[in-house]
């Protein structure tokens, strides 16, 4: 095939990838009774159903809990579990009001013996909190509610489902490109890595969405947003990045920079604290 034909074929394949990425489904909006305003929707490509996403989350969580149980890495401290369950219950109540489809979820929370400062909420409301986060927050319910609210927001906004969709779309289209131009696996892998870097801004927007909605949820649940937002400053202090990493963070990270996040969340917290509860 001549050069023009090859160029057309490459353009068509890359156009397919762009079209799939642009074929967005807006983030699910809050129900008519919701008092929590949702952030603007970003590109969400939903190549799998909500039901399948929930099933994947529940199965993955069940396997994780089974493994952690065998490894004796589940924290069974009754006081910590009771405290976190109470925080989660208040957040879930607001989540269900804002996103009625989550009422069908089997919400669950477990504490993992892990020094990493982390937490998660899978599709279907399956949550984990690491003991490292408990230690950093010093069991402050407002700080813990801020992090849990952020993770719950990811699940409500179906970011995991959207990420799977983008992965399916880009990998499928680029595999066509690779086969069309007889690329080897190494070149295909390099191409996929390049596209992954291009989609990082979308991941950062997901983080910003979850930051905003998470703070709204925790404030609506009666927690102090200003006190809660202080957890992000503590995280920065606990996990300082080298200077070079800080400079590259804006371009190579799936999260907003730590400094941006701290400034933004502190401002959101101040605005929420000044807003009457019924208007949050």
C-alpha atoms as a PDB file:
ATOM      1  CA  UNK A   1       0.000   0.000   0.000  1.00  0.00           C
ATOM      2  CA  UNK A   2       1.312   3.464  -0.795  1.00  0.00           C
ATOM      3  CA  UNK A   3       2.111   6.155   1.786  1.00  0.00           C
ATOM      4  CA  UNK A   4      -1.258   7.848   1.368  1.00  0.00           C
ATOM      5  CA  UNK A   5      -3.073   4.579   2.084  1.00  0.00           C
ATOM      6  CA  UNK A   6      -0.983   3.936   5.192  1.00  0.00           C
ATOM      7  CA  UNK A   7      -1.570   7.436   6.458  1.00  0.00           C
ATOM      8  CA  UNK A   8      -5.315   7.100   5.898  1.00  0.00           C
ATOM      9  CA  UNK A   9      -5.385   3.781   7.727  1.00  0.00           C
ATOM     10  CA  UNK A  10      -3.443   5.180  10.683  1.00  0.00           C
ATOM     11  CA  UNK A  11      -5.696   8.227  10.805  1.00  0.00           C
ATOM     12  CA  UNK A  12      -8.801   6.057  10.715  1.00  0.00           C
ATOM     13  CA  UNK A  13      -7.578   3.847  13.548  1.00  0.00           C
ATOM     14  CA  UNK A  14      -6.519   6.736  15.728  1.00  0.00           C
ATOM     15  CA  UNK A  15      -9.790   8.457  14.873  1.00  0.00           C
ATOM     16  CA  UNK A  16     -11.615   5.400  16.179  1.00  0.00           C
ATOM     17  CA  UNK A  17      -9.726   5.666  19.459  1.00  0.00           C
ATOM     18  CA  UNK A  18     -10.551   9.374  19.702  1.00  0.00           C
ATOM     19  CA  UNK A  19     -14.205   8.728  18.897  1.00  0.00           C
ATOM     20  CA  UNK A  20     -14.458   6.061  21.574  1.00  0.00           C
ATOM     21  CA  UNK A  21     -12.869   8.362  24.115  1.00  0.00           C
ATOM     22  CA  UNK A  22     -15.186  11.188  23.104  1.00  0.00           C
ATOM     23  CA  UNK A  23     -18.272   8.933  23.277  1.00  0.00           C
ATOM     24  CA  UNK A  24     -18.858   9.971  26.848  1.00  0.00           C
ATOM     25  CA  UNK A  25     -21.608   9.188  29.257  1.00  0.00           C
ATOM     26  CA  UNK A  26     -22.068  11.881  31.849  1.00  0.00           C
ATOM     27  CA  UNK A  27     -21.514  11.036  35.465  1.00  0.00           C
ATOM     28  CA  UNK A  28     -24.775   9.879  37.068  1.00  0.00           C
ATOM     29  CA  UNK A  29     -26.590  12.868  38.480  1.00  0.00           C
ATOM     30  CA  UNK A  30     -27.971  13.079  41.962  1.00  0.00           C
ATOM     31  CA  UNK A  31     -31.640  12.251  42.443  1.00  0.00           C
ATOM     32  CA  UNK A  32     -34.308  14.903  42.623  1.00  0.00           C
ATOM     33  CA  UNK A  33     -34.206  14.800  46.422  1.00  0.00           C
ATOM     34  CA  UNK A  34     -30.450  15.269  46.574  1.00  0.00           C
ATOM     35  CA  UNK A  35     -29.107  18.243  48.468  1.00  0.00           C
ATOM     36  CA  UNK A  36     -25.498  17.567  47.561  1.00  0.00           C
ATOM     37  CA  UNK A  37     -24.632  19.324  44.302  1.00  0.00           C
ATOM     38  CA  UNK A  38     -22.472  17.173  42.061  1.00  0.00           C
ATOM     39  CA  UNK A  39     -19.403  18.516  40.253  1.00  0.00           C
ATOM     40  CA  UNK A  40     -19.403  18.957  36.456  1.00  0.00           C
ATOM     41  CA  UNK A  41     -19.167  15.667  34.592  1.00  0.00           C
ATOM     42  CA  UNK A  42     -15.972  14.750  32.780  1.00  0.00           C
ATOM     43  CA  UNK A  43     -15.440  12.140  30.055  1.00  0.00           C
ATOM     44  CA  UNK A  44     -16.836   8.815  31.227  1.00  0.00           C
ATOM     45  CA  UNK A  45     -16.759   5.982  28.685  1.00  0.00           C
ATOM     46  CA  UNK A  46     -18.946   3.192  30.017  1.00  0.00           C
ATOM     47  CA  UNK A  47     -18.164   0.075  28.021  1.00  0.00           C
ATOM     48  CA  UNK A  48     -19.565  -2.212  30.723  1.00  0.00           C
ATOM     49  CA  UNK A  49     -22.877  -2.110  32.543  1.00  0.00           C
ATOM     50  CA  UNK A  50     -23.319  -0.769  36.051  1.00  0.00           C
ATOM     51  CA  UNK A  51     -24.363  -4.249  37.153  1.00  0.00           C
ATOM     52  CA  UNK A  52     -21.203  -5.850  35.783  1.00  0.00           C
ATOM     53  CA  UNK A  53     -19.051  -3.152  37.372  1.00  0.00           C
ATOM     54  CA  UNK A  54     -20.710  -3.851  40.730  1.00  0.00           C
ATOM     55  CA  UNK A  55     -20.232  -7.587  40.318  1.00  0.00           C
ATOM     56  CA  UNK A  56     -16.532  -7.095  39.528  1.00  0.00           C
ATOM     57  CA  UNK A  57     -16.154  -4.914  42.622  1.00  0.00           C
ATOM     58  CA  UNK A  58     -17.916  -7.388  44.893  1.00  0.00           C
ATOM     59  CA  UNK A  59     -15.968 -10.405  43.629  1.00  0.00           C
ATOM     60  CA  UNK A  60     -12.647  -8.573  43.829  1.00  0.00           C
ATOM     61  CA  UNK A  61     -13.444  -7.460  47.366  1.00  0.00           C
ATOM     62  CA  UNK A  62     -14.479 -10.950  48.455  1.00  0.00           C
ATOM     63  CA  UNK A  63     -11.216 -12.397  47.120  1.00  0.00           C
ATOM     64  CA  UNK A  64      -9.225  -9.629  48.809  1.00  0.00           C
ATOM     65  CA  UNK A  65     -10.899 -10.189  52.193  1.00  0.00           C
ATOM     66  CA  UNK A  66     -10.368 -13.942  51.894  1.00  0.00           C
ATOM     67  CA  UNK A  67      -6.662 -13.418  51.204  1.00  0.00           C
ATOM     68  CA  UNK A  68      -6.245 -10.880  54.009  1.00  0.00           C
ATOM     69  CA  UNK A  69      -7.987 -13.259  56.410  1.00  0.00           C
ATOM     70  CA  UNK A  70      -5.595 -16.080  55.497  1.00  0.00           C
ATOM     71  CA  UNK A  71      -2.662 -13.704  55.974  1.00  0.00           C
ATOM     72  CA  UNK A  72      -4.132 -12.517  59.304  1.00  0.00           C
ATOM     73  CA  UNK A  73      -3.978  -8.930  58.041  1.00  0.00           C
ATOM     74  CA  UNK A  74      -7.509  -7.872  58.972  1.00  0.00           C
ATOM     75  CA  UNK A  75      -7.620  -5.576  61.994  1.00  0.00           C
ATOM     76  CA  UNK A  76     -10.307  -6.862  64.351  1.00  0.00           C
ATOM     77  CA  UNK A  77      -9.914  -4.161  67.001  1.00  0.00           C
ATOM     78  CA  UNK A  78     -13.516  -3.619  68.080  1.00  0.00           C
ATOM     79  CA  UNK A  79     -13.096   0.060  68.948  1.00  0.00           C
ATOM     80  CA  UNK A  80     -11.580   1.026  65.591  1.00  0.00           C
ATOM     81  CA  UNK A  81     -14.194  -0.970  63.665  1.00  0.00           C
ATOM     82  CA  UNK A  82     -17.075   0.523  65.614  1.00  0.00           C
ATOM     83  CA  UNK A  83     -15.734   4.066  65.116  1.00  0.00           C
ATOM     84  CA  UNK A  84     -15.242   3.647  61.361  1.00  0.00           C
ATOM     85  CA  UNK A  85     -18.591   1.918  60.892  1.00  0.00           C
ATOM     86  CA  UNK A  86     -20.313   4.886  62.559  1.00  0.00           C
ATOM     87  CA  UNK A  87     -18.513   7.345  60.252  1.00  0.00           C
ATOM     88  CA  UNK A  88     -19.280   5.261  57.166  1.00  0.00           C
ATOM     89  CA  UNK A  89     -22.956   4.926  58.121  1.00  0.00           C
ATOM     90  CA  UNK A  90     -23.376   8.702  58.178  1.00  0.00           C
ATOM     91  CA  UNK A  91     -21.612   9.097  54.832  1.00  0.00           C
ATOM     92  CA  UNK A  92     -23.593   6.266  53.218  1.00  0.00           C
ATOM     93  CA  UNK A  93     -26.851   7.883  54.312  1.00  0.00           C
ATOM     94  CA  UNK A  94     -25.927  10.994  52.311  1.00  0.00           C
ATOM     95  CA  UNK A  95     -24.587   8.932  49.406  1.00  0.00           C
ATOM     96  CA  UNK A  96     -27.894   7.129  49.013  1.00  0.00           C
ATOM     97  CA  UNK A  97     -29.816  10.432  49.099  1.00  0.00           C
ATOM     98  CA  UNK A  98     -27.590  11.907  46.400  1.00  0.00           C
ATOM     99  CA  UNK A  99     -27.263   8.763  44.247  1.00  0.00           C
ATOM    100  CA  UNK A 100     -30.324   6.550  44.799  1.00  0.00           C
ATOM    101  CA  UNK A 101     -28.894   3.642  42.778  1.00  0.00           C
ATOM    102  CA  UNK A 102     -26.376   3.066  45.600  1.00  0.00           C
ATOM    103  CA  UNK A 103     -29.242   2.108  47.921  1.00  0.00           C
ATOM    104  CA  UNK A 104     -29.019  -1.385  46.409  1.00  0.00           C
ATOM    105  CA  UNK A 105     -25.353  -1.757  47.327  1.00  0.00           C
ATOM    106  CA  UNK A 106     -24.264  -4.073  50.134  1.00  0.00           C
ATOM    107  CA  UNK A 107     -22.075  -1.513  51.868  1.00  0.00           C
ATOM    108  CA  UNK A 108     -19.227  -3.030  53.874  1.00  0.00           C
ATOM    109  CA  UNK A 109     -16.027  -1.839  55.563  1.00  0.00           C
ATOM    110  CA  UNK A 110     -12.931  -3.669  56.761  1.00  0.00           C
ATOM    111  CA  UNK A 111      -9.692  -2.431  58.341  1.00  0.00           C
ATOM    112  CA  UNK A 112      -6.417  -3.695  56.862  1.00  0.00           C
ATOM    113  CA  UNK A 113      -3.171  -3.998  58.818  1.00  0.00           C
ATOM    114  CA  UNK A 114      -1.001  -1.926  56.502  1.00  0.00           C
ATOM    115  CA  UNK A 115       1.241   1.046  57.242  1.00  0.00           C
ATOM    116  CA  UNK A 116       0.457   2.646  53.866  1.00  0.00           C
ATOM    117  CA  UNK A 117      -1.759   5.719  54.247  1.00  0.00           C
ATOM    118  CA  UNK A 118      -4.657   4.562  52.122  1.00  0.00           C
ATOM    119  CA  UNK A 119      -8.337   3.710  51.840  1.00  0.00           C
ATOM    120  CA  UNK A 120     -10.614   2.541  49.029  1.00  0.00           C
ATOM    121  CA  UNK A 121     -14.223   2.036  48.012  1.00  0.00           C
ATOM    122  CA  UNK A 122     -14.945  -0.406  45.207  1.00  0.00           C
ATOM    123  CA  UNK A 123     -18.084  -0.445  43.041  1.00  0.00           C
ATOM    124  CA  UNK A 124     -20.883  -1.810  45.195  1.00  0.00           C
ATOM    125  CA  UNK A 125     -19.781   0.075  48.320  1.00  0.00           C
ATOM    126  CA  UNK A 126     -16.984  -2.263  49.429  1.00  0.00           C
ATOM    127  CA  UNK A 127     -14.548  -0.254  51.558  1.00  0.00           C
ATOM    128  CA  UNK A 128     -11.126  -0.772  53.132  1.00  0.00           C
ATOM    129  CA  UNK A 129      -9.180   1.492  55.467  1.00  0.00           C
ATOM    130  CA  UNK A 130      -5.505   0.901  56.269  1.00  0.00           C
ATOM    131  CA  UNK A 131      -4.225   1.146  59.824  1.00  0.00           C
ATOM    132  CA  UNK A 132      -1.649   3.619  58.474  1.00  0.00           C
ATOM    133  CA  UNK A 133      -4.467   6.080  57.770  1.00  0.00           C
ATOM    134  CA  UNK A 134      -5.950   5.534  61.229  1.00  0.00           C
ATOM    135  CA  UNK A 135      -2.581   6.316  62.782  1.00  0.00           C
ATOM    136  CA  UNK A 136      -2.116   9.471  60.696  1.00  0.00           C
ATOM    137  CA  UNK A 137      -5.628  10.740  61.444  1.00  0.00           C
ATOM    138  CA  UNK A 138      -5.245   9.767  65.111  1.00  0.00           C
ATOM    139  CA  UNK A 139      -8.803   8.470  64.922  1.00  0.00           C
ATOM    140  CA  UNK A 140     -10.156  11.995  64.279  1.00  0.00           C
ATOM    141  CA  UNK A 141     -13.611  11.334  62.839  1.00  0.00           C
ATOM    142  CA  UNK A 142     -13.608  14.493  60.717  1.00  0.00           C
ATOM    143  CA  UNK A 143     -10.323  13.607  59.008  1.00  0.00           C
ATOM    144  CA  UNK A 144     -11.356   9.993  58.484  1.00  0.00           C
ATOM    145  CA  UNK A 145     -14.720  11.136  57.071  1.00  0.00           C
ATOM    146  CA  UNK A 146     -12.864  13.338  54.567  1.00  0.00           C
ATOM    147  CA  UNK A 147     -10.848  10.420  53.184  1.00  0.00           C
ATOM    148  CA  UNK A 148     -13.746   7.956  53.266  1.00  0.00           C
ATOM    149  CA  UNK A 149     -16.010  10.534  51.623  1.00  0.00           C
ATOM    150  CA  UNK A 150     -13.470  10.930  48.813  1.00  0.00           C
ATOM    151  CA  UNK A 151     -13.325   7.175  48.215  1.00  0.00           C
ATOM    152  CA  UNK A 152     -17.105   6.793  48.358  1.00  0.00           C
ATOM    153  CA  UNK A 153     -17.373   9.635  45.834  1.00  0.00           C
ATOM    154  CA  UNK A 154     -15.190   7.681  43.394  1.00  0.00           C
ATOM    155  CA  UNK A 155     -17.648   4.772  43.616  1.00  0.00           C
ATOM    156  CA  UNK A 156     -20.730   6.983  43.268  1.00  0.00           C
ATOM    157  CA  UNK A 157     -19.281   8.760  40.237  1.00  0.00           C
ATOM    158  CA  UNK A 158     -18.408   5.354  38.740  1.00  0.00           C
ATOM    159  CA  UNK A 159     -14.826   6.280  38.013  1.00  0.00           C
ATOM    160  CA  UNK A 160     -13.721   2.637  38.087  1.00  0.00           C
ATOM    161  CA  UNK A 161     -16.344   1.742  35.497  1.00  0.00           C
ATOM    162  CA  UNK A 162     -15.261   4.669  33.322  1.00  0.00           C
ATOM    163  CA  UNK A 163     -11.568   3.739  33.580  1.00  0.00           C
ATOM    164  CA  UNK A 164     -12.319   0.217  32.413  1.00  0.00           C
ATOM    165  CA  UNK A 165     -14.225   1.702  29.472  1.00  0.00           C
ATOM    166  CA  UNK A 166     -11.319   3.895  28.434  1.00  0.00           C
ATOM    167  CA  UNK A 167      -8.916   0.980  28.742  1.00  0.00           C
ATOM    168  CA  UNK A 168     -11.099  -1.245  26.576  1.00  0.00           C
ATOM    169  CA  UNK A 169     -11.551   1.512  23.978  1.00  0.00           C
ATOM    170  CA  UNK A 170      -7.905   2.503  23.647  1.00  0.00           C
ATOM    171  CA  UNK A 171      -6.470  -1.007  23.799  1.00  0.00           C
ATOM    172  CA  UNK A 172      -8.947  -2.283  21.228  1.00  0.00           C
ATOM    173  CA  UNK A 173      -8.312   0.565  18.783  1.00  0.00           C
ATOM    174  CA  UNK A 174      -4.535   0.484  19.196  1.00  0.00           C
ATOM    175  CA  UNK A 175      -4.440  -3.285  18.733  1.00  0.00           C
ATOM    176  CA  UNK A 176      -6.065  -2.675  15.347  1.00  0.00           C
ATOM    177  CA  UNK A 177      -3.333  -0.133  14.583  1.00  0.00           C
ATOM    178  CA  UNK A 178      -0.608  -2.575  15.625  1.00  0.00           C
ATOM    179  CA  UNK A 179      -2.021  -5.408  13.536  1.00  0.00           C
ATOM    180  CA  UNK A 180      -2.570  -3.133  10.565  1.00  0.00           C
ATOM    181  CA  UNK A 181       1.056  -1.987  10.591  1.00  0.00           C
ATOM    182  CA  UNK A 182       2.460  -5.381  11.679  1.00  0.00           C
ATOM    183  CA  UNK A 183       3.823  -3.970  14.922  1.00  0.00           C
ATOM    184  CA  UNK A 184       5.353  -6.304  17.450  1.00  0.00           C
ATOM    185  CA  UNK A 185       4.164  -6.631  21.056  1.00  0.00           C
ATOM    186  CA  UNK A 186       6.963  -4.381  22.320  1.00  0.00           C
ATOM    187  CA  UNK A 187       5.957  -1.517  20.021  1.00  0.00           C
ATOM    188  CA  UNK A 188       2.281  -2.034  20.901  1.00  0.00           C
ATOM    189  CA  UNK A 189       3.150  -1.887  24.604  1.00  0.00           C
ATOM    190  CA  UNK A 190       5.076   1.347  24.035  1.00  0.00           C
ATOM    191  CA  UNK A 191       2.119   2.812  22.147  1.00  0.00           C
ATOM    192  CA  UNK A 192      -0.281   1.846  24.944  1.00  0.00           C
ATOM    193  CA  UNK A 193       1.990   3.447  27.525  1.00  0.00           C
ATOM    194  CA  UNK A 194       2.007   6.636  25.474  1.00  0.00           C
ATOM    195  CA  UNK A 195      -1.786   6.730  25.317  1.00  0.00           C
ATOM    196  CA  UNK A 196      -1.905   6.044  29.063  1.00  0.00           C
ATOM    197  CA  UNK A 197       0.101   9.199  29.634  1.00  0.00           C
ATOM    198  CA  UNK A 198      -2.313  11.148  27.427  1.00  0.00           C
ATOM    199  CA  UNK A 199      -5.279   9.996  29.561  1.00  0.00           C
ATOM    200  CA  UNK A 200      -3.666  11.068  32.840  1.00  0.00           C
ATOM    201  CA  UNK A 201      -5.473  14.454  32.745  1.00  0.00           C
ATOM    202  CA  UNK A 202      -8.777  12.550  32.775  1.00  0.00           C
ATOM    203  CA  UNK A 203      -7.659  10.641  35.866  1.00  0.00           C
ATOM    204  CA  UNK A 204      -6.713  13.914  37.545  1.00  0.00           C
ATOM    205  CA  UNK A 205     -10.173  15.302  36.752  1.00  0.00           C
ATOM    206  CA  UNK A 206     -11.686  12.223  38.370  1.00  0.00           C
ATOM    207  CA  UNK A 207      -9.674  12.971  41.496  1.00  0.00           C
ATOM    208  CA  UNK A 208     -10.898  16.559  41.519  1.00  0.00           C
ATOM    209  CA  UNK A 209     -14.494  15.377  41.126  1.00  0.00           C
ATOM    210  CA  UNK A 210     -14.094  12.969  44.036  1.00  0.00           C
ATOM    211  CA  UNK A 211     -12.418  15.643  46.165  1.00  0.00           C
ATOM    212  CA  UNK A 212     -15.356  18.003  45.720  1.00  0.00           C
ATOM    213  CA  UNK A 213     -18.160  15.476  46.101  1.00  0.00           C
ATOM    214  CA  UNK A 214     -16.394  13.770  49.007  1.00  0.00           C
ATOM    215  CA  UNK A 215     -16.135  17.045  50.922  1.00  0.00           C
ATOM    216  CA  UNK A 216     -19.780  17.801  50.208  1.00  0.00           C
ATOM    217  CA  UNK A 217     -20.840  14.370  51.475  1.00  0.00           C
ATOM    218  CA  UNK A 218     -18.879  14.627  54.706  1.00  0.00           C
ATOM    219  CA  UNK A 219     -20.105  18.163  55.388  1.00  0.00           C
ATOM    220  CA  UNK A 220     -23.701  17.135  54.705  1.00  0.00           C
ATOM    221  CA  UNK A 221     -23.206  14.209  57.102  1.00  0.00           C
ATOM    222  CA  UNK A 222     -22.413  16.674  59.868  1.00  0.00           C
ATOM    223  CA  UNK A 223     -18.613  16.504  59.941  1.00  0.00           C
ATOM    224  CA  UNK A 224     -16.428  19.607  60.120  1.00  0.00           C
ATOM    225  CA  UNK A 225     -14.986  20.214  56.610  1.00  0.00           C
ATOM    226  CA  UNK A 226     -12.231  22.600  57.772  1.00  0.00           C
ATOM    227  CA  UNK A 227     -10.998  20.188  60.408  1.00  0.00           C
ATOM    228  CA  UNK A 228     -11.331  17.294  57.982  1.00  0.00           C
ATOM    229  CA  UNK A 229      -9.384  18.964  55.162  1.00  0.00           C
ATOM    230  CA  UNK A 230      -6.343  19.128  57.445  1.00  0.00           C
ATOM    231  CA  UNK A 231      -5.773  15.421  56.722  1.00  0.00           C
ATOM    232  CA  UNK A 232      -4.346  16.327  53.299  1.00  0.00           C
ATOM    233  CA  UNK A 233      -1.686  18.549  54.872  1.00  0.00           C
ATOM    234  CA  UNK A 234      -0.804  15.688  57.210  1.00  0.00           C
ATOM    235  CA  UNK A 235      -0.522  13.332  54.228  1.00  0.00           C
ATOM    236  CA  UNK A 236       1.876  15.710  52.484  1.00  0.00           C
ATOM    237  CA  UNK A 237       4.031  15.935  55.590  1.00  0.00           C
ATOM    238  CA  UNK A 238       3.987  12.166  56.071  1.00  0.00           C
ATOM    239  CA  UNK A 239       4.884  11.344  52.451  1.00  0.00           C
ATOM    240  CA  UNK A 240       7.191  14.129  51.178  1.00  0.00           C
ATOM    241  CA  UNK A 241       8.230  13.725  47.538  1.00  0.00           C
ATOM    242  CA  UNK A 242      11.717  14.495  46.173  1.00  0.00           C
ATOM    243  CA  UNK A 243      12.026  17.860  44.409  1.00  0.00           C
ATOM    244  CA  UNK A 244      12.261  16.308  40.933  1.00  0.00           C
ATOM    245  CA  UNK A 245       9.167  14.183  41.571  1.00  0.00           C
ATOM    246  CA  UNK A 246       7.284  17.276  42.700  1.00  0.00           C
ATOM    247  CA  UNK A 247       8.161  19.045  39.450  1.00  0.00           C
ATOM    248  CA  UNK A 248       7.077  16.099  37.320  1.00  0.00           C
ATOM    249  CA  UNK A 249       3.940  15.375  39.337  1.00  0.00           C
ATOM    250  CA  UNK A 250       1.751  17.687  37.251  1.00  0.00           C
ATOM    251  CA  UNK A 251       2.596  15.740  34.081  1.00  0.00           C
ATOM    252  CA  UNK A 252       3.143  12.133  35.207  1.00  0.00           C
ATOM    253  CA  UNK A 253       0.721  11.652  38.072  1.00  0.00           C
ATOM    254  CA  UNK A 254      -2.883  10.460  37.975  1.00  0.00           C
ATOM    255  CA  UNK A 255      -3.602  12.812  40.899  1.00  0.00           C
ATOM    256  CA  UNK A 256      -3.486  16.610  41.135  1.00  0.00           C
ATOM    257  CA  UNK A 257      -0.304  17.927  42.746  1.00  0.00           C
ATOM    258  CA  UNK A 258      -0.244  17.859  46.534  1.00  0.00           C
ATOM    259  CA  UNK A 259       0.040  21.636  46.778  1.00  0.00           C
ATOM    260  CA  UNK A 260      -2.883  22.194  44.373  1.00  0.00           C
ATOM    261  CA  UNK A 261      -4.997  19.690  46.224  1.00  0.00           C
ATOM    262  CA  UNK A 262      -4.318  21.213  49.608  1.00  0.00           C
ATOM    263  CA  UNK A 263      -5.166  24.754  48.441  1.00  0.00           C
ATOM    264  CA  UNK A 264      -8.317  23.627  46.616  1.00  0.00           C
ATOM    265  CA  UNK A 265      -9.673  21.450  49.411  1.00  0.00           C
ATOM    266  CA  UNK A 266      -8.943  24.056  52.054  1.00  0.00           C
ATOM    267  CA  UNK A 267     -10.979  26.576  50.043  1.00  0.00           C
ATOM    268  CA  UNK A 268     -13.809  24.087  49.477  1.00  0.00           C
ATOM    269  CA  UNK A 269     -13.850  23.345  53.205  1.00  0.00           C
ATOM    270  CA  UNK A 270     -14.088  27.034  54.084  1.00  0.00           C
ATOM    271  CA  UNK A 271     -16.954  27.557  51.656  1.00  0.00           C
ATOM    272  CA  UNK A 272     -18.844  24.546  52.996  1.00  0.00           C
ATOM    273  CA  UNK A 273     -18.311  25.619  56.580  1.00  0.00           C
ATOM    274  CA  UNK A 274     -19.843  28.999  55.731  1.00  0.00           C
ATOM    275  CA  UNK A 275     -22.818  27.430  53.940  1.00  0.00           C
ATOM    276  CA  UNK A 276     -26.022  26.543  55.856  1.00  0.00           C
ATOM    277  CA  UNK A 277     -26.359  22.747  56.171  1.00  0.00           C
ATOM    278  CA  UNK A 278     -29.561  22.618  54.104  1.00  0.00           C
ATOM    279  CA  UNK A 279     -27.819  24.317  51.164  1.00  0.00           C
ATOM    280  CA  UNK A 280     -24.736  22.114  51.022  1.00  0.00           C
END
